Amino acid sequence: MSKPFTISALSRESGVNLETIRFYERSGLLPEPHRSASGYRHYQPVDVDRVRFIRRGRELGFSLDEIRTLLGLASQPHRSCEAADKLVREHIAAIDERVRDLQRMRAELAKLEGCESHEAQHCRLLEALDNRACCIEPLQLDS
């Protein structure tokens, strides 16, 4: 059996900070580790892999519940990956919707860019936020 990792070593090896590791434990994503007689957490190499898996899932934007599902699938390698494919499709659809929302926001902000006023009372952005039409047309934000 290999030498156990401390939480600091787990953090260093996985690239995840200490508080996040503790949060993953409280959330049930990471099993509670064995403790030394003095109460220090002792992790195994499999825990490093698990924390890296969780971190990568978070980097891809998966929720903790989705990651929990993916961890369950990963622990049963002969199971169908249909559930994982479904998560990917749903996630891509959500990302596409966010991209459309960001493009709409960008287009509206582009209309406000380049204000030549030297006074805040005539600032295009402030007017739009206050719904004033002193110098510009009101924004037509999509709902």
Protein backbone atom coordinates (compact mmCIF):
# COMPACT_ATOMS: atom_id res chain seq x y z
CA MET A 1 0.00 0.00 0.00
CA SER A 2 1.33 3.43 -0.90
CA LYS A 3 2.00 6.18 1.58
CA PRO A 4 -1.14 8.24 2.22
CA PHE A 5 -1.45 11.83 1.08
CA THR A 6 -2.16 14.69 3.47
CA ILE A 7 -4.81 17.17 2.38
CA SER A 8 -2.00 19.57 1.39
CA ALA A 9 -0.42 16.91 -0.81
CA LEU A 10 -3.81 16.04 -2.31
CA SER A 11 -4.33 19.72 -3.05
CA ARG A 12 -0.93 20.03 -4.68
CA GLU A 13 -1.29 16.81 -6.73
CA SER A 14 -4.85 17.51 -7.89
CA GLY A 15 -4.61 21.27 -8.44
CA VAL A 16 -7.62 21.87 -6.18
CA ASN A 17 -7.45 24.08 -3.10
CA LEU A 18 -7.92 22.76 0.43
CA GLU A 19 -11.32 24.32 1.06
CA THR A 20 -12.66 22.90 -2.19
CA ILE A 21 -11.48 19.43 -1.19
CA ARG A 22 -13.24 19.80 2.17
CA PHE A 23 -16.36 20.99 0.31
CA TYR A 24 -16.23 17.92 -1.96
CA GLU A 25 -16.10 15.75 1.17
CA ARG A 26 -19.09 17.53 2.73
CA SER A 27 -20.97 17.22 -0.58
CA GLY A 28 -20.34 13.49 -0.74
CA LEU A 29 -18.34 13.70 -3.98
CA LEU A 30 -15.20 12.62 -2.18
CA PRO A 31 -15.46 9.90 0.46
CA GLU A 32 -14.45 10.91 3.94
CA PRO A 33 -10.80 9.92 4.30
CA HIS A 34 -9.22 7.80 6.97
CA ARG A 35 -7.74 9.83 9.78
CA SER A 36 -4.52 9.42 11.66
CA ALA A 37 -4.50 9.07 15.44
CA SER A 38 -3.90 12.82 15.61
CA GLY A 39 -6.88 13.52 13.32
CA TYR A 40 -5.05 14.31 10.07
CA ARG A 41 -6.80 13.29 6.86
CA HIS A 42 -5.08 10.51 4.91
CA TYR A 43 -5.89 10.17 1.22
CA GLN A 44 -4.93 7.50 -1.30
CA PRO A 45 -3.82 7.85 -4.95
CA VAL A 46 -7.36 6.96 -6.04
CA ASP A 47 -8.52 10.13 -4.25
CA VAL A 48 -6.13 12.23 -6.36
CA ASP A 49 -7.68 10.75 -9.50
CA ARG A 50 -11.19 11.37 -8.18
CA VAL A 51 -10.49 15.01 -7.30
CA ARG A 52 -8.93 15.55 -10.73
CA PHE A 53 -12.06 14.00 -12.32
CA ILE A 54 -14.28 16.37 -10.31
CA ARG A 55 -12.09 19.37 -11.14
CA ARG A 56 -12.19 18.58 -14.86
CA GLY A 57 -15.97 18.13 -14.71
CA ARG A 58 -16.30 21.54 -13.06
CA GLU A 59 -14.00 23.07 -15.69
CA LEU A 60 -16.39 21.75 -18.34
CA GLY A 61 -19.27 23.40 -16.48
CA PHE A 62 -21.01 20.33 -15.07
CA SER A 63 -22.96 20.80 -11.86
CA LEU A 64 -22.09 18.86 -8.73
CA ASP A 65 -25.14 16.64 -9.25
CA GLU A 66 -24.09 15.92 -12.83
CA ILE A 67 -20.58 15.10 -11.64
CA ARG A 68 -22.06 12.80 -9.01
CA THR A 69 -23.89 10.98 -11.82
CA LEU A 70 -20.71 10.80 -13.90
CA LEU A 71 -18.73 9.45 -10.93
CA GLY A 72 -21.37 6.75 -10.56
CA LEU A 73 -21.03 5.85 -14.23
CA ALA A 74 -17.23 5.86 -14.00
CA SER A 75 -17.41 3.39 -11.11
CA GLN A 76 -19.31 0.93 -13.32
CA PRO A 77 -17.15 0.73 -16.47
CA HIS A 78 -19.25 -1.93 -18.23
CA ARG A 79 -22.45 0.08 -17.98
CA SER A 80 -23.82 1.89 -21.04
CA CYS A 81 -22.65 5.46 -21.47
CA GLU A 82 -26.09 6.56 -22.68
CA ALA A 83 -26.63 8.65 -19.52
CA ALA A 84 -23.27 10.39 -20.06
CA ASP A 85 -24.15 11.09 -23.70
CA LYS A 86 -27.48 12.55 -22.60
CA LEU A 87 -25.70 14.83 -20.10
CA VAL A 88 -23.33 15.98 -22.84
CA ARG A 89 -26.18 16.78 -25.23
CA GLU A 90 -28.09 18.70 -22.54
CA HIS A 91 -24.94 20.54 -21.54
CA ILE A 92 -24.17 21.53 -25.13
CA ALA A 93 -27.75 22.83 -25.56
CA ALA A 94 -27.41 24.92 -22.38
CA ILE A 95 -24.05 26.29 -23.56
CA ASP A 96 -25.52 27.15 -26.96
CA GLU A 97 -28.32 29.08 -25.23
CA ARG A 98 -25.81 30.96 -23.07
CA VAL A 99 -23.78 31.81 -26.18
CA ARG A 100 -26.92 33.23 -27.83
CA ASP A 101 -27.66 35.27 -24.67
CA LEU A 102 -24.09 36.59 -24.58
CA GLN A 103 -24.27 37.52 -28.27
CA ARG A 104 -27.48 39.48 -27.64
CA MET A 105 -25.88 41.27 -24.68
CA ARG A 106 -22.80 42.05 -26.76
CA ALA A 107 -24.91 43.51 -29.56
CA GLU A 108 -26.77 45.77 -27.12
CA LEU A 109 -23.55 46.89 -25.43
CA ALA A 110 -21.98 47.61 -28.83
CA LYS A 111 -24.79 50.13 -29.41
CA LEU A 112 -23.72 51.92 -26.23
CA GLU A 113 -19.99 51.90 -26.90
CA GLY A 114 -18.11 55.05 -27.80
CA CYS A 115 -20.07 57.59 -25.81
CA GLU A 116 -18.61 61.02 -26.52
CA SER A 117 -20.27 62.79 -23.62
CA HIS A 118 -18.00 64.14 -20.92
CA GLU A 119 -20.77 64.16 -18.32
CA ALA A 120 -22.34 61.19 -16.58
CA GLN A 121 -25.82 62.63 -17.06
CA HIS A 122 -25.45 62.02 -20.79
CA CYS A 123 -23.58 58.71 -20.59
CA ARG A 124 -25.18 56.23 -23.00
CA LEU A 125 -24.85 53.28 -20.65
CA LEU A 126 -26.27 55.15 -17.64
CA GLU A 127 -29.14 56.45 -19.75
CA ALA A 128 -29.92 52.95 -20.95
CA LEU A 129 -29.82 51.56 -17.42
CA ASP A 130 -32.04 54.40 -16.15
CA ASN A 131 -34.28 53.93 -19.19
CA ARG A 132 -33.73 57.59 -20.09
CA ALA A 133 -33.69 58.61 -23.73
CA CYS A 134 -31.79 61.86 -23.49
CA CYS A 135 -29.26 61.08 -26.19
CA ILE A 136 -30.05 57.55 -27.34
CA GLU A 137 -32.94 55.31 -28.20
CA PRO A 138 -34.03 53.00 -25.35
CA LEU A 139 -32.50 49.54 -25.36
CA GLN A 140 -34.59 46.74 -26.76
CA LEU A 141 -33.38 43.87 -24.59
CA ASP A 142 -34.74 40.42 -25.34
CA SER A 143 -36.40 38.65 -22.46
